[in-house]
Amino acid sequence: MLAHRKQKLAIVMFIIFGTAVAVGLVLVALEEGINVFYTPTEVSAGDVPAGQNFRVGGMVKTGSLKTEGLDGAEVNFITTDFCNDVVVSYSGPLPDLFREGQGVVADGFIDEAGIFRANQILAKHDENYMSAEVKASLDAAEGQDAEVCRQ
């Protein structure tokens, strides 16, 4: 093989290898950064893969907020879409806007006992803003449309 053909082949192979490495790194970064959102109904139905980090959102059920430990460091509450409930446990400071009857998004995973262990709690500043799935569940609960809750 001629020298200039070997050089061109080496350049093409280097570009292919570099592109493959770049695509692989991007895919790994995206996989780690993806945070999928589920409603309490989807979590209760078992639609969440085991061991996956995800977000669950809904309303904090009135009367469900319990604090434990020193200075209320451990917080347990129920998030609901008024069709199904998910028990959430969180250790750490809560956002100022967090309270019962308000919208919340929790980021974490489900443990072996079936309790959602939150790493982060996000309180919504406006109850008018919520995902389409949660909005549909809330509207169904208000209208007593049980068919939407079963979906």
C-alpha atoms as a PDB file:
ATOM      1  CA  MET A   1       0.000   0.000   0.000  1.00  0.00           C
ATOM      2  CA  LEU A   2       1.274   3.460  -0.830  1.00  0.00           C
ATOM      3  CA  ALA A   3       2.310   5.855   1.919  1.00  0.00           C
ATOM      4  CA  HIS A   4      -0.318   8.503   1.133  1.00  0.00           C
ATOM      5  CA  ARG A   5      -3.088   5.850   1.172  1.00  0.00           C
ATOM      6  CA  LYS A   6      -1.887   4.606   4.564  1.00  0.00           C
ATOM      7  CA  GLN A   7      -1.971   8.186   5.833  1.00  0.00           C
ATOM      8  CA  LYS A   8      -5.526   8.742   4.517  1.00  0.00           C
ATOM      9  CA  LEU A   9      -6.661   5.432   6.038  1.00  0.00           C
ATOM     10  CA  ALA A  10      -5.140   6.409   9.396  1.00  0.00           C
ATOM     11  CA  ILE A  11      -6.933   9.775   9.309  1.00  0.00           C
ATOM     12  CA  VAL A  12     -10.281   8.170   8.439  1.00  0.00           C
ATOM     13  CA  MET A  13      -9.872   5.555  11.198  1.00  0.00           C
ATOM     14  CA  PHE A  14      -8.946   8.296  13.700  1.00  0.00           C
ATOM     15  CA  ILE A  15     -12.071  10.296  12.760  1.00  0.00           C
ATOM     16  CA  ILE A  16     -14.313   7.222  13.068  1.00  0.00           C
ATOM     17  CA  PHE A  17     -12.801   6.275  16.438  1.00  0.00           C
ATOM     18  CA  GLY A  18     -13.057   9.862  17.726  1.00  0.00           C
ATOM     19  CA  THR A  19     -16.676  10.139  16.637  1.00  0.00           C
ATOM     20  CA  ALA A  20     -17.556   6.830  18.322  1.00  0.00           C
ATOM     21  CA  VAL A  21     -15.923   7.955  21.580  1.00  0.00           C
ATOM     22  CA  ALA A  22     -17.720  11.332  21.465  1.00  0.00           C
ATOM     23  CA  VAL A  23     -21.120   9.713  20.828  1.00  0.00           C
ATOM     24  CA  GLY A  24     -20.511   7.223  23.653  1.00  0.00           C
ATOM     25  CA  LEU A  25     -19.635   9.996  26.117  1.00  0.00           C
ATOM     26  CA  VAL A  26     -22.710  12.014  25.136  1.00  0.00           C
ATOM     27  CA  LEU A  27     -24.980   8.993  25.617  1.00  0.00           C
ATOM     28  CA  VAL A  28     -23.515   8.260  29.062  1.00  0.00           C
ATOM     29  CA  ALA A  29     -23.933  11.900  30.096  1.00  0.00           C
ATOM     30  CA  LEU A  30     -27.530  11.991  28.875  1.00  0.00           C
ATOM     31  CA  GLU A  31     -28.413   8.745  30.617  1.00  0.00           C
ATOM     32  CA  GLU A  32     -27.132  10.058  33.947  1.00  0.00           C
ATOM     33  CA  GLY A  33     -28.855  13.412  33.520  1.00  0.00           C
ATOM     34  CA  ILE A  34     -32.296  12.210  32.480  1.00  0.00           C
ATOM     35  CA  ASN A  35     -34.912  12.634  35.170  1.00  0.00           C
ATOM     36  CA  VAL A  36     -38.201  11.059  34.189  1.00  0.00           C
ATOM     37  CA  PHE A  37     -41.421  12.403  35.744  1.00  0.00           C
ATOM     38  CA  TYR A  38     -44.170  10.064  36.955  1.00  0.00           C
ATOM     39  CA  THR A  39     -47.523  10.695  38.580  1.00  0.00           C
ATOM     40  CA  PRO A  40     -48.532   8.891  41.788  1.00  0.00           C
ATOM     41  CA  THR A  41     -50.923   6.764  39.714  1.00  0.00           C
ATOM     42  CA  GLU A  42     -48.085   5.583  37.463  1.00  0.00           C
ATOM     43  CA  VAL A  43     -45.877   4.843  40.481  1.00  0.00           C
ATOM     44  CA  SER A  44     -48.682   2.884  42.187  1.00  0.00           C
ATOM     45  CA  ALA A  45     -49.246   0.904  38.996  1.00  0.00           C
ATOM     46  CA  GLY A  46     -45.602  -0.184  39.001  1.00  0.00           C
ATOM     47  CA  ASP A  47     -44.630   1.645  35.809  1.00  0.00           C
ATOM     48  CA  VAL A  48     -41.298   2.725  37.342  1.00  0.00           C
ATOM     49  CA  PRO A  49     -38.281   0.466  36.690  1.00  0.00           C
ATOM     50  CA  ALA A  50     -36.659  -0.777  39.904  1.00  0.00           C
ATOM     51  CA  GLY A  51     -33.682   1.214  41.126  1.00  0.00           C
ATOM     52  CA  GLN A  52     -34.302   4.107  38.738  1.00  0.00           C
ATOM     53  CA  ASN A  53     -33.962   7.691  39.906  1.00  0.00           C
ATOM     54  CA  PHE A  54     -37.076   9.647  38.884  1.00  0.00           C
ATOM     55  CA  ARG A  55     -39.382  12.481  39.868  1.00  0.00           C
ATOM     56  CA  VAL A  56     -42.873  12.117  41.255  1.00  0.00           C
ATOM     57  CA  GLY A  57     -45.225  15.061  41.421  1.00  0.00           C
ATOM     58  CA  GLY A  58     -48.604  15.869  42.818  1.00  0.00           C
ATOM     59  CA  MET A  59     -50.201  17.603  45.741  1.00  0.00           C
ATOM     60  CA  VAL A  60     -49.141  17.179  49.375  1.00  0.00           C
ATOM     61  CA  LYS A  61     -52.094  15.403  50.980  1.00  0.00           C
ATOM     62  CA  THR A  62     -53.681  17.392  53.786  1.00  0.00           C
ATOM     63  CA  GLY A  63     -52.982  15.848  57.204  1.00  0.00           C
ATOM     64  CA  SER A  64     -50.144  13.628  55.969  1.00  0.00           C
ATOM     65  CA  LEU A  65     -47.123  15.750  56.932  1.00  0.00           C
ATOM     66  CA  LYS A  66     -45.114  14.157  59.766  1.00  0.00           C
ATOM     67  CA  THR A  67     -41.744  15.352  61.067  1.00  0.00           C
ATOM     68  CA  GLU A  68     -39.335  13.178  63.020  1.00  0.00           C
ATOM     69  CA  GLY A  69     -35.887  13.478  64.527  1.00  0.00           C
ATOM     70  CA  LEU A  70     -34.094  16.480  65.882  1.00  0.00           C
ATOM     71  CA  ASP A  71     -35.335  19.780  64.500  1.00  0.00           C
ATOM     72  CA  GLY A  72     -37.715  17.922  62.176  1.00  0.00           C
ATOM     73  CA  ALA A  73     -34.850  16.728  59.996  1.00  0.00           C
ATOM     74  CA  GLU A  74     -36.795  13.670  58.761  1.00  0.00           C
ATOM     75  CA  VAL A  75     -40.037  14.509  56.947  1.00  0.00           C
ATOM     76  CA  ASN A  76     -42.659  12.027  55.773  1.00  0.00           C
ATOM     77  CA  PHE A  77     -45.695  12.992  53.729  1.00  0.00           C
ATOM     78  CA  ILE A  78     -48.018  11.677  51.053  1.00  0.00           C
ATOM     79  CA  THR A  79     -48.118  13.091  47.543  1.00  0.00           C
ATOM     80  CA  THR A  80     -51.318  12.468  45.632  1.00  0.00           C
ATOM     81  CA  ASP A  81     -52.948  13.069  42.288  1.00  0.00           C
ATOM     82  CA  PHE A  82     -56.290  12.375  44.026  1.00  0.00           C
ATOM     83  CA  CYS A  83     -56.457   8.955  42.379  1.00  0.00           C
ATOM     84  CA  ASN A  84     -53.466   7.295  44.068  1.00  0.00           C
ATOM     85  CA  ASP A  85     -50.980   8.193  46.787  1.00  0.00           C
ATOM     86  CA  VAL A  86     -47.222   7.795  47.187  1.00  0.00           C
ATOM     87  CA  VAL A  87     -45.517   7.922  50.597  1.00  0.00           C
ATOM     88  CA  VAL A  88     -42.455  10.181  50.461  1.00  0.00           C
ATOM     89  CA  SER A  89     -39.616  10.304  52.989  1.00  0.00           C
ATOM     90  CA  TYR A  90     -37.074  13.151  52.925  1.00  0.00           C
ATOM     91  CA  SER A  91     -34.165  14.185  55.130  1.00  0.00           C
ATOM     92  CA  GLY A  92     -33.108  17.790  54.931  1.00  0.00           C
ATOM     93  CA  PRO A  93     -34.457  21.297  54.822  1.00  0.00           C
ATOM     94  CA  LEU A  94     -37.752  21.814  53.040  1.00  0.00           C
ATOM     95  CA  PRO A  95     -38.372  24.700  50.634  1.00  0.00           C
ATOM     96  CA  ASP A  96     -40.094  27.718  52.172  1.00  0.00           C
ATOM     97  CA  LEU A  97     -43.181  27.238  50.004  1.00  0.00           C
ATOM     98  CA  PHE A  98     -43.650  23.585  50.994  1.00  0.00           C
ATOM     99  CA  ARG A  99     -46.911  22.892  52.856  1.00  0.00           C
ATOM    100  CA  GLU A 100     -49.931  20.636  52.824  1.00  0.00           C
ATOM    101  CA  GLY A 101     -52.363  21.141  49.965  1.00  0.00           C
ATOM    102  CA  GLN A 102     -49.679  22.589  47.676  1.00  0.00           C
ATOM    103  CA  GLY A 103     -47.989  21.144  44.610  1.00  0.00           C
ATOM    104  CA  VAL A 104     -44.684  19.341  45.031  1.00  0.00           C
ATOM    105  CA  VAL A 105     -42.146  17.506  42.900  1.00  0.00           C
ATOM    106  CA  ALA A 106     -39.827  15.034  44.655  1.00  0.00           C
ATOM    107  CA  ASP A 107     -36.650  13.664  43.069  1.00  0.00           C
ATOM    108  CA  GLY A 108     -35.453  10.256  44.302  1.00  0.00           C
ATOM    109  CA  PHE A 109     -36.111   6.521  44.126  1.00  0.00           C
ATOM    110  CA  ILE A 110     -38.336   3.824  45.617  1.00  0.00           C
ATOM    111  CA  ASP A 111     -36.692   1.678  48.295  1.00  0.00           C
ATOM    112  CA  GLU A 112     -37.292  -2.004  49.094  1.00  0.00           C
ATOM    113  CA  ALA A 113     -40.184  -1.129  51.425  1.00  0.00           C
ATOM    114  CA  GLY A 114     -42.019   0.740  48.648  1.00  0.00           C
ATOM    115  CA  ILE A 115     -41.374   4.182  50.127  1.00  0.00           C
ATOM    116  CA  PHE A 116     -40.176   6.955  47.847  1.00  0.00           C
ATOM    117  CA  ARG A 117     -36.850   8.245  49.236  1.00  0.00           C
ATOM    118  CA  ALA A 118     -36.468  11.823  48.061  1.00  0.00           C
ATOM    119  CA  ASN A 119     -33.074  13.406  47.495  1.00  0.00           C
ATOM    120  CA  GLN A 120     -34.598  16.761  46.637  1.00  0.00           C
ATOM    121  CA  ILE A 121     -37.967  18.443  47.157  1.00  0.00           C
ATOM    122  CA  LEU A 122     -39.210  21.144  44.811  1.00  0.00           C
ATOM    123  CA  ALA A 123     -42.216  23.173  45.920  1.00  0.00           C
ATOM    124  CA  LYS A 124     -44.269  24.866  43.263  1.00  0.00           C
ATOM    125  CA  HIS A 125     -44.864  28.550  43.829  1.00  0.00           C
ATOM    126  CA  ASP A 126     -48.124  28.537  41.918  1.00  0.00           C
ATOM    127  CA  GLU A 127     -50.678  25.771  42.176  1.00  0.00           C
ATOM    128  CA  ASN A 128     -51.889  26.678  38.681  1.00  0.00           C
ATOM    129  CA  TYR A 129     -48.662  25.325  37.188  1.00  0.00           C
ATOM    130  CA  MET A 130     -48.453  21.533  36.987  1.00  0.00           C
ATOM    131  CA  SER A 131     -47.748  18.821  34.475  1.00  0.00           C
ATOM    132  CA  ALA A 132     -50.470  17.763  32.055  1.00  0.00           C
ATOM    133  CA  GLU A 133     -50.705  14.316  33.697  1.00  0.00           C
ATOM    134  CA  VAL A 134     -51.237  15.706  37.200  1.00  0.00           C
ATOM    135  CA  LYS A 135     -53.668  18.326  35.881  1.00  0.00           C
ATOM    136  CA  ALA A 136     -55.738  15.602  34.191  1.00  0.00           C
ATOM    137  CA  SER A 137     -55.784  13.533  37.406  1.00  0.00           C
ATOM    138  CA  LEU A 138     -56.832  16.526  39.507  1.00  0.00           C
ATOM    139  CA  ASP A 139     -59.566  17.471  37.053  1.00  0.00           C
ATOM    140  CA  ALA A 140     -60.810  13.881  37.046  1.00  0.00           C
ATOM    141  CA  ALA A 141     -60.922  13.767  40.829  1.00  0.00           C
ATOM    142  CA  GLU A 142     -62.810  17.054  41.026  1.00  0.00           C
ATOM    143  CA  GLY A 143     -65.313  15.913  38.409  1.00  0.00           C
ATOM    144  CA  GLN A 144     -65.585  12.469  40.035  1.00  0.00           C
ATOM    145  CA  ASP A 145     -64.548  10.893  36.704  1.00  0.00           C
ATOM    146  CA  ALA A 146     -63.169   7.598  38.016  1.00  0.00           C
ATOM    147  CA  GLU A 147     -62.369   6.352  34.508  1.00  0.00           C
ATOM    148  CA  VAL A 148     -59.427   8.771  34.172  1.00  0.00           C
ATOM    149  CA  CYS A 149     -58.081   7.590  37.547  1.00  0.00           C
ATOM    150  CA  ARG A 150     -58.029   3.994  36.312  1.00  0.00           C
ATOM    151  CA  GLN A 151     -55.889   4.848  33.269  1.00  0.00           C
END
